[in-house]
All heavy atoms as atom14 arrays in JSON, in Angstrom:
{
  "sequence": "FILDREHMVDIVLVDINMPRLNGMEATKLCKQNKP",
  "atom14_mask": [
    [1, 1, 1, 1, 1, 1, 1, 1, 1, 1, 1, 0, 0, 0],
    [1, 1, 1, 1, 1, 1, 1, 1, 0, 0, 0, 0, 0, 0],
    [1, 1, 1, 1, 1, 1, 1, 1, 0, 0, 0, 0, 0, 0],
    [1, 1, 1, 1, 1, 1, 1, 1, 0, 0, 0, 0, 0, 0],
    [1, 1, 1, 1, 1, 1, 1, 1, 1, 1, 1, 0, 0, 0],
    [1, 1, 1, 1, 1, 1, 1, 1, 1, 0, 0, 0, 0, 0],
    [1, 1, 1, 1, 1, 1, 1, 1, 1, 1, 0, 0, 0, 0],
    [1, 1, 1, 1, 1, 1, 1, 1, 0, 0, 0, 0, 0, 0],
    [1, 1, 1, 1, 1, 1, 1, 0, 0, 0, 0, 0, 0, 0],
    [1, 1, 1, 1, 1, 1, 1, 1, 0, 0, 0, 0, 0, 0],
    [1, 1, 1, 1, 1, 1, 1, 1, 0, 0, 0, 0, 0, 0],
    [1, 1, 1, 1, 1, 1, 1, 0, 0, 0, 0, 0, 0, 0],
    [1, 1, 1, 1, 1, 1, 1, 1, 0, 0, 0, 0, 0, 0],
    [1, 1, 1, 1, 1, 1, 1, 0, 0, 0, 0, 0, 0, 0],
    [1, 1, 1, 1, 1, 1, 1, 1, 0, 0, 0, 0, 0, 0],
    [1, 1, 1, 1, 1, 1, 1, 1, 0, 0, 0, 0, 0, 0],
    [1, 1, 1, 1, 1, 1, 1, 1, 0, 0, 0, 0, 0, 0],
    [1, 1, 1, 1, 1, 1, 1, 1, 0, 0, 0, 0, 0, 0],
    [1, 1, 1, 1, 1, 1, 1, 0, 0, 0, 0, 0, 0, 0],
    [1, 1, 1, 1, 1, 1, 1, 1, 1, 1, 1, 0, 0, 0],
    [1, 1, 1, 1, 1, 1, 1, 1, 0, 0, 0, 0, 0, 0],
    [1, 1, 1, 1, 1, 1, 1, 1, 0, 0, 0, 0, 0, 0],
    [1, 1, 1, 1, 0, 0, 0, 0, 0, 0, 0, 0, 0, 0],
    [1, 1, 1, 1, 1, 1, 1, 1, 0, 0, 0, 0, 0, 0],
    [1, 1, 1, 1, 1, 1, 1, 1, 1, 0, 0, 0, 0, 0],
    [1, 1, 1, 1, 1, 0, 0, 0, 0, 0, 0, 0, 0, 0],
    [1, 1, 1, 1, 1, 1, 1, 0, 0, 0, 0, 0, 0, 0],
    [1, 1, 1, 1, 1, 1, 1, 1, 1, 0, 0, 0, 0, 0],
    [1, 1, 1, 1, 1, 1, 1, 1, 0, 0, 0, 0, 0, 0],
    [1, 1, 1, 1, 1, 1, 0, 0, 0, 0, 0, 0, 0, 0],
    [1, 1, 1, 1, 1, 1, 1, 1, 1, 0, 0, 0, 0, 0],
    [1, 1, 1, 1, 1, 1, 1, 1, 1, 0, 0, 0, 0, 0],
    [1, 1, 1, 1, 1, 1, 1, 1, 0, 0, 0, 0, 0, 0],
    [1, 1, 1, 1, 1, 1, 1, 1, 1, 0, 0, 0, 0, 0],
    [1, 1, 1, 1, 1, 1, 1, 0, 0, 0, 0, 0, 0, 0]
  ],
  "atom14_positions": [
    [[6.64, 0.68, 2.89], [6.43, -0.23, 4.03], [6.02, -1.62, 3.56], [6.57, -2.63, 4.02], [5.35, 0.35, 4.96], [4.96, -0.59, 6.09], [5.79, -0.74, 7.17], [3.77, -1.3, 6.05], [5.45, -1.62, 8.21], [3.42, -2.16, 7.06], [4.25, -2.31, 8.15], [0.0, 0.0, 0.0], [0.0, 0.0, 0.0], [0.0, 0.0, 0.0]],
    [[5.08, -1.7, 2.63], [4.6, -2.98, 2.15], [5.68, -3.75, 1.4], [5.78, -4.98, 1.53], [3.36, -2.79, 1.25], [2.17, -2.26, 2.05], [2.97, -4.1, 0.56], [1.71, -3.17, 3.18], [0.0, 0.0, 0.0], [0.0, 0.0, 0.0], [0.0, 0.0, 0.0], [0.0, 0.0, 0.0], [0.0, 0.0, 0.0], [0.0, 0.0, 0.0]],
    [[6.5, -3.04, 0.66], [7.54, -3.7, -0.14], [8.72, -4.17, 0.73], [9.55, -4.95, 0.26], [8.06, -2.77, -1.24], [7.01, -2.41, -2.31], [7.65, -1.55, -3.39], [6.4, -3.66, -2.91], [0.0, 0.0, 0.0], [0.0, 0.0, 0.0], [0.0, 0.0, 0.0], [0.0, 0.0, 0.0], [0.0, 0.0, 0.0], [0.0, 0.0, 0.0]],
    [[8.8, -3.69, 1.94], [9.83, -4.16, 2.88], [9.36, -5.52, 3.44], [8.48, -5.57, 4.28], [10.02, -3.16, 4.0], [11.17, -3.56, 4.93], [11.64, -4.69, 4.83], [11.56, -2.7, 5.75], [0.0, 0.0, 0.0], [0.0, 0.0, 0.0], [0.0, 0.0, 0.0], [0.0, 0.0, 0.0], [0.0, 0.0, 0.0], [0.0, 0.0, 0.0]],
    [[9.95, -6.59, 2.97], [9.46, -7.94, 3.33], [9.71, -8.29, 4.79], [9.26, -9.33, 5.25], [10.1, -8.96, 2.4], [9.68, -8.79, 0.93], [10.16, -9.91, 0.05], [9.76, -9.71, -1.32], [8.57, -10.08, -1.8], [7.7, -10.67, -0.99], [8.26, -9.87, -3.06], [0.0, 0.0, 0.0], [0.0, 0.0, 0.0], [0.0, 0.0, 0.0]],
    [[10.43, -7.47, 5.52], [10.62, -7.73, 6.95], [9.38, -7.39, 7.74], [9.22, -7.83, 8.88], [11.82, -6.92, 7.48], [13.16, -7.37, 6.92], [14.31, -6.61, 7.56], [14.04, -5.76, 8.44], [15.46, -6.86, 7.15], [0.0, 0.0, 0.0], [0.0, 0.0, 0.0], [0.0, 0.0, 0.0], [0.0, 0.0, 0.0], [0.0, 0.0, 0.0]],
    [[8.5, -6.59, 7.15], [7.28, -6.2, 7.82], [6.1, -7.05, 7.37], [5.91, -7.25, 6.19], [6.98, -4.71, 7.54], [8.0, -3.77, 8.08], [8.64, -2.86, 7.28], [8.51, -3.62, 9.33], [9.5, -2.16, 8.02], [9.44, -2.61, 9.26], [0.0, 0.0, 0.0], [0.0, 0.0, 0.0], [0.0, 0.0, 0.0], [0.0, 0.0, 0.0]],
    [[5.36, -7.58, 8.31], [4.2, -8.38, 8.02], [2.94, -7.6, 8.4], [2.81, -7.14, 9.53], [4.24, -9.7, 8.79], [5.4, -10.61, 8.39], [5.32, -11.11, 6.66], [3.82, -12.11, 6.71], [0.0, 0.0, 0.0], [0.0, 0.0, 0.0], [0.0, 0.0, 0.0], [0.0, 0.0, 0.0], [0.0, 0.0, 0.0], [0.0, 0.0, 0.0]],
    [[2.05, -7.42, 7.45], [0.79, -6.7, 7.71], [-0.36, -7.48, 7.08], [-0.21, -8.02, 5.96], [0.86, -5.25, 7.19], [1.05, -5.22, 5.68], [-0.39, -4.47, 7.58], [0.0, 0.0, 0.0], [0.0, 0.0, 0.0], [0.0, 0.0, 0.0], [0.0, 0.0, 0.0], [0.0, 0.0, 0.0], [0.0, 0.0, 0.0], [0.0, 0.0, 0.0]],
    [[-1.47, -7.57, 7.78], [-2.62, -8.3, 7.27], [-3.65, -7.37, 6.62], [-4.23, -7.7, 5.59], [-3.33, -9.04, 8.42], [-2.41, -10.07, 9.09], [-1.99, -11.01, 8.38], [-2.11, -9.92, 10.28], [0.0, 0.0, 0.0], [0.0, 0.0, 0.0], [0.0, 0.0, 0.0], [0.0, 0.0, 0.0], [0.0, 0.0, 0.0], [0.0, 0.0, 0.0]],
    [[-3.86, -6.2, 7.25], [-4.92, -5.3, 6.81], [-4.37, -3.87, 6.74], [-3.68, -3.44, 7.65], [-6.14, -5.34, 7.76], [-6.64, -6.77, 7.9], [-7.23, -4.42, 7.28], [-7.65, -6.96, 9.05], [0.0, 0.0, 0.0], [0.0, 0.0, 0.0], [0.0, 0.0, 0.0], [0.0, 0.0, 0.0], [0.0, 0.0, 0.0], [0.0, 0.0, 0.0]],
    [[-4.71, -3.19, 5.65], [-4.3, -1.79, 5.49], [-5.54, -0.91, 5.48], [-6.49, -1.16, 4.72], [-3.5, -1.57, 4.2], [-3.23, -0.09, 3.97], [-2.17, -2.33, 4.25], [0.0, 0.0, 0.0], [0.0, 0.0, 0.0], [0.0, 0.0, 0.0], [0.0, 0.0, 0.0], [0.0, 0.0, 0.0], [0.0, 0.0, 0.0], [0.0, 0.0, 0.0]],
    [[-5.56, 0.11, 6.32], [-6.59, 1.13, 6.32], [-6.0, 2.37, 5.69], [-5.04, 2.95, 6.23], [-7.06, 1.43, 7.75], [-7.58, 0.24, 8.57], [-7.8, 0.63, 10.01], [-8.87, -0.28, 7.97], [0.0, 0.0, 0.0], [0.0, 0.0, 0.0], [0.0, 0.0, 0.0], [0.0, 0.0, 0.0], [0.0, 0.0, 0.0], [0.0, 0.0, 0.0]],
    [[-6.49, 2.78, 4.53], [-5.83, 3.83, 3.79], [-6.8, 4.89, 3.24], [-7.89, 4.56, 2.76], [-5.01, 3.2, 2.61], [-5.9, 2.41, 1.67], [-4.24, 4.24, 1.85], [0.0, 0.0, 0.0], [0.0, 0.0, 0.0], [0.0, 0.0, 0.0], [0.0, 0.0, 0.0], [0.0, 0.0, 0.0], [0.0, 0.0, 0.0], [0.0, 0.0, 0.0]],
    [[-6.38, 6.14, 3.38], [-7.13, 7.24, 2.79], [-6.82, 7.28, 1.29], [-5.87, 6.65, 0.84], [-6.68, 8.56, 3.46], [-7.61, 9.72, 3.11], [-8.65, 9.5, 2.48], [-7.25, 10.86, 3.47], [0.0, 0.0, 0.0], [0.0, 0.0, 0.0], [0.0, 0.0, 0.0], [0.0, 0.0, 0.0], [0.0, 0.0, 0.0], [0.0, 0.0, 0.0]],
    [[-7.62, 8.01, 0.52], [-7.39, 8.08, -0.94], [-6.66, 9.36, -1.3], [-5.58, 9.32, -1.93], [-8.72, 7.95, -1.71], [-9.29, 6.53, -1.52], [-8.5, 8.23, -3.21], [-10.61, 6.3, -2.21], [0.0, 0.0, 0.0], [0.0, 0.0, 0.0], [0.0, 0.0, 0.0], [0.0, 0.0, 0.0], [0.0, 0.0, 0.0], [0.0, 0.0, 0.0]],
    [[-7.19, 10.5, -0.95], [-6.56, 11.78, -1.29], [-5.44, 12.1, -0.32], [-5.67, 12.6, 0.79], [-7.6, 12.91, -1.28], [-8.53, 12.8, -2.48], [-8.16, 12.27, -3.51], [-9.73, 13.34, -2.34], [0.0, 0.0, 0.0], [0.0, 0.0, 0.0], [0.0, 0.0, 0.0], [0.0, 0.0, 0.0], [0.0, 0.0, 0.0], [0.0, 0.0, 0.0]],
    [[-4.19, 11.81, -0.76], [-3.02, 12.06, 0.08], [-1.91, 12.62, -0.8], [-1.91, 12.43, -2.02], [-2.55, 10.78, 0.77], [-3.54, 10.2, 1.76], [-2.84, 8.77, 2.67], [-2.65, 7.6, 1.32], [0.0, 0.0, 0.0], [0.0, 0.0, 0.0], [0.0, 0.0, 0.0], [0.0, 0.0, 0.0], [0.0, 0.0, 0.0], [0.0, 0.0, 0.0]],
    [[-0.94, 13.33, -0.21], [0.16, 13.9, -1.0], [1.11, 12.83, -1.53], [1.09, 11.69, -1.11], [0.87, 14.8, 0.02], [0.53, 14.21, 1.35], [-0.86, 13.69, 1.22], [0.0, 0.0, 0.0], [0.0, 0.0, 0.0], [0.0, 0.0, 0.0], [0.0, 0.0, 0.0], [0.0, 0.0, 0.0], [0.0, 0.0, 0.0], [0.0, 0.0, 0.0]],
    [[1.89, 13.27, -2.5], [2.95, 12.45, -3.17], [2.36, 11.31, -3.98], [2.5, 11.26, -5.2], [3.97, 11.94, -2.17], [4.76, 13.06, -1.46], [6.11, 12.57, -1.03], [6.03, 11.55, 0.01], [7.09, 10.88, 0.44], [8.27, 11.08, -0.07], [6.93, 9.97, 1.41], [0.0, 0.0, 0.0], [0.0, 0.0, 0.0], [0.0, 0.0, 0.0]],
    [[1.69, 10.36, -3.33], [1.06, 9.22, -4.04], [-0.26, 8.92, -3.36], [-0.26, 8.66, -2.14], [1.98, 8.0, -4.01], [1.51, 6.74, -4.76], [1.44, 7.02, -6.27], [2.45, 5.57, -4.49], [0.0, 0.0, 0.0], [0.0, 0.0, 0.0], [0.0, 0.0, 0.0], [0.0, 0.0, 0.0], [0.0, 0.0, 0.0], [0.0, 0.0, 0.0]],
    [[-1.38, 8.99, -4.1], [-2.67, 8.78, -3.43], [-2.88, 7.32, -3.08], [-2.19, 6.43, -3.57], [-3.8, 9.34, -4.27], [-4.08, 8.55, -5.55], [-4.16, 7.34, -5.54], [-4.25, 9.27, -6.66], [0.0, 0.0, 0.0], [0.0, 0.0, 0.0], [0.0, 0.0, 0.0], [0.0, 0.0, 0.0], [0.0, 0.0, 0.0], [0.0, 0.0, 0.0]],
    [[-3.85, 7.1, -2.2], [-4.08, 5.76, -1.67], [-4.51, 4.75, -2.72], [-4.17, 3.57, -2.63], [0.0, 0.0, 0.0], [0.0, 0.0, 0.0], [0.0, 0.0, 0.0], [0.0, 0.0, 0.0], [0.0, 0.0, 0.0], [0.0, 0.0, 0.0], [0.0, 0.0, 0.0], [0.0, 0.0, 0.0], [0.0, 0.0, 0.0], [0.0, 0.0, 0.0]],
    [[-5.25, 5.19, -3.73], [-5.72, 4.27, -4.78], [-4.53, 3.74, -5.59], [-4.41, 2.52, -5.81], [-6.71, 4.98, -5.69], [-7.42, 4.08, -6.68], [-8.55, 2.93, -5.86], [-9.82, 4.09, -5.28], [0.0, 0.0, 0.0], [0.0, 0.0, 0.0], [0.0, 0.0, 0.0], [0.0, 0.0, 0.0], [0.0, 0.0, 0.0], [0.0, 0.0, 0.0]],
    [[-3.67, 4.66, -6.05], [-2.52, 4.24, -6.84], [-1.54, 3.41, -5.99], [-0.97, 2.44, -6.5], [-1.8, 5.46, -7.42], [-2.65, 6.21, -8.42], [-3.16, 5.35, -9.56], [-2.34, 4.53, -10.09], [-4.33, 5.44, -9.92], [0.0, 0.0, 0.0], [0.0, 0.0, 0.0], [0.0, 0.0, 0.0], [0.0, 0.0, 0.0], [0.0, 0.0, 0.0]],
    [[-1.37, 3.8, -4.74], [-0.48, 3.03, -3.86], [-0.99, 1.6, -3.67], [-0.22, 0.63, -3.67], [-0.37, 3.73, -2.5], [0.0, 0.0, 0.0], [0.0, 0.0, 0.0], [0.0, 0.0, 0.0], [0.0, 0.0, 0.0], [0.0, 0.0, 0.0], [0.0, 0.0, 0.0], [0.0, 0.0, 0.0], [0.0, 0.0, 0.0], [0.0, 0.0, 0.0]],
    [[-2.31, 1.46, -3.52], [-2.9, 0.13, -3.35], [-2.68, -0.74, -4.58], [-2.34, -1.94, -4.47], [-4.42, 0.26, -3.08], [-4.61, 0.95, -1.83], [-5.09, -1.11, -3.0], [0.0, 0.0, 0.0], [0.0, 0.0, 0.0], [0.0, 0.0, 0.0], [0.0, 0.0, 0.0], [0.0, 0.0, 0.0], [0.0, 0.0, 0.0], [0.0, 0.0, 0.0]],
    [[-2.86, -0.17, -5.75], [-2.62, -0.93, -6.99], [-1.21, -1.45, -7.05], [-0.97, -2.6, -7.42], [-2.94, -0.04, -8.21], [-4.4, 0.32, -8.38], [-4.61, 1.26, -9.54], [-6.05, 1.69, -9.67], [-6.26, 2.67, -10.79], [0.0, 0.0, 0.0], [0.0, 0.0, 0.0], [0.0, 0.0, 0.0], [0.0, 0.0, 0.0], [0.0, 0.0, 0.0]],
    [[-0.24, -0.62, -6.69], [1.16, -1.03, -6.7], [1.44, -2.05, -5.63], [2.2, -3.03, -5.86], [2.06, 0.2, -6.52], [2.01, 1.22, -7.68], [2.78, 2.49, -7.27], [2.61, 0.62, -8.94], [0.0, 0.0, 0.0], [0.0, 0.0, 0.0], [0.0, 0.0, 0.0], [0.0, 0.0, 0.0], [0.0, 0.0, 0.0], [0.0, 0.0, 0.0]],
    [[0.87, -1.89, -4.47], [1.07, -2.86, -3.37], [0.54, -4.23, -3.74], [1.16, -5.27, -3.49], [0.39, -2.37, -2.1], [1.19, -0.97, -1.31], [0.0, 0.0, 0.0], [0.0, 0.0, 0.0], [0.0, 0.0, 0.0], [0.0, 0.0, 0.0], [0.0, 0.0, 0.0], [0.0, 0.0, 0.0], [0.0, 0.0, 0.0], [0.0, 0.0, 0.0]],
    [[-0.63, -4.25, -4.39], [-1.25, -5.54, -4.73], [-0.54, -6.27, -5.86], [-0.72, -7.46, -6.03], [-2.74, -5.33, -5.06], [-3.62, -5.22, -3.83], [-5.08, -5.15, -4.2], [-5.96, -5.42, -2.97], [-5.97, -6.84, -2.62], [0.0, 0.0, 0.0], [0.0, 0.0, 0.0], [0.0, 0.0, 0.0], [0.0, 0.0, 0.0], [0.0, 0.0, 0.0]],
    [[0.27, -5.55, -6.62], [1.09, -6.24, -7.62], [2.11, -7.16, -6.95], [2.49, -8.19, -7.5], [1.81, -5.2, -8.48], [0.9, -4.46, -9.46], [1.64, -3.44, -10.29], [2.87, -3.39, -10.3], [0.91, -2.61, -11.0], [0.0, 0.0, 0.0], [0.0, 0.0, 0.0], [0.0, 0.0, 0.0], [0.0, 0.0, 0.0], [0.0, 0.0, 0.0]],
    [[2.55, -6.78, -5.77], [3.53, -7.57, -5.04], [2.88, -8.46, -3.98], [3.37, -9.54, -3.68], [4.55, -6.64, -4.37], [5.46, -5.97, -5.35], [6.5, -6.52, -5.71], [5.08, -4.78, -5.82], [0.0, 0.0, 0.0], [0.0, 0.0, 0.0], [0.0, 0.0, 0.0], [0.0, 0.0, 0.0], [0.0, 0.0, 0.0], [0.0, 0.0, 0.0]],
    [[1.77, -7.98, -3.38], [1.07, -8.76, -2.36], [-0.42, -8.76, -2.69], [-1.22, -8.02, -2.09], [1.33, -8.18, -0.98], [2.79, -8.27, -0.55], [3.0, -7.87, 0.89], [4.47, -8.07, 1.3], [4.71, -7.73, 2.71], [0.0, 0.0, 0.0], [0.0, 0.0, 0.0], [0.0, 0.0, 0.0], [0.0, 0.0, 0.0], [0.0, 0.0, 0.0]],
    [[-0.84, -9.6, -3.66], [-2.22, -9.58, -4.13], [-3.25, -9.95, -3.07], [-4.43, -9.59, -3.21], [-2.22, -10.59, -5.3], [-1.02, -11.45, -5.04], [-0.01, -10.55, -4.4], [0.0, 0.0, 0.0], [0.0, 0.0, 0.0], [0.0, 0.0, 0.0], [0.0, 0.0, 0.0], [0.0, 0.0, 0.0], [0.0, 0.0, 0.0], [0.0, 0.0, 0.0]]
  ]
}
């Protein structure tokens, strides 16, 4: 969702322990593109 530049989001509320990719690792990857 974050990498889709058509979507604009200001604030993300995210859990940490989640399937496939946890919230901590996902946040690190998101911030590489949208610091």
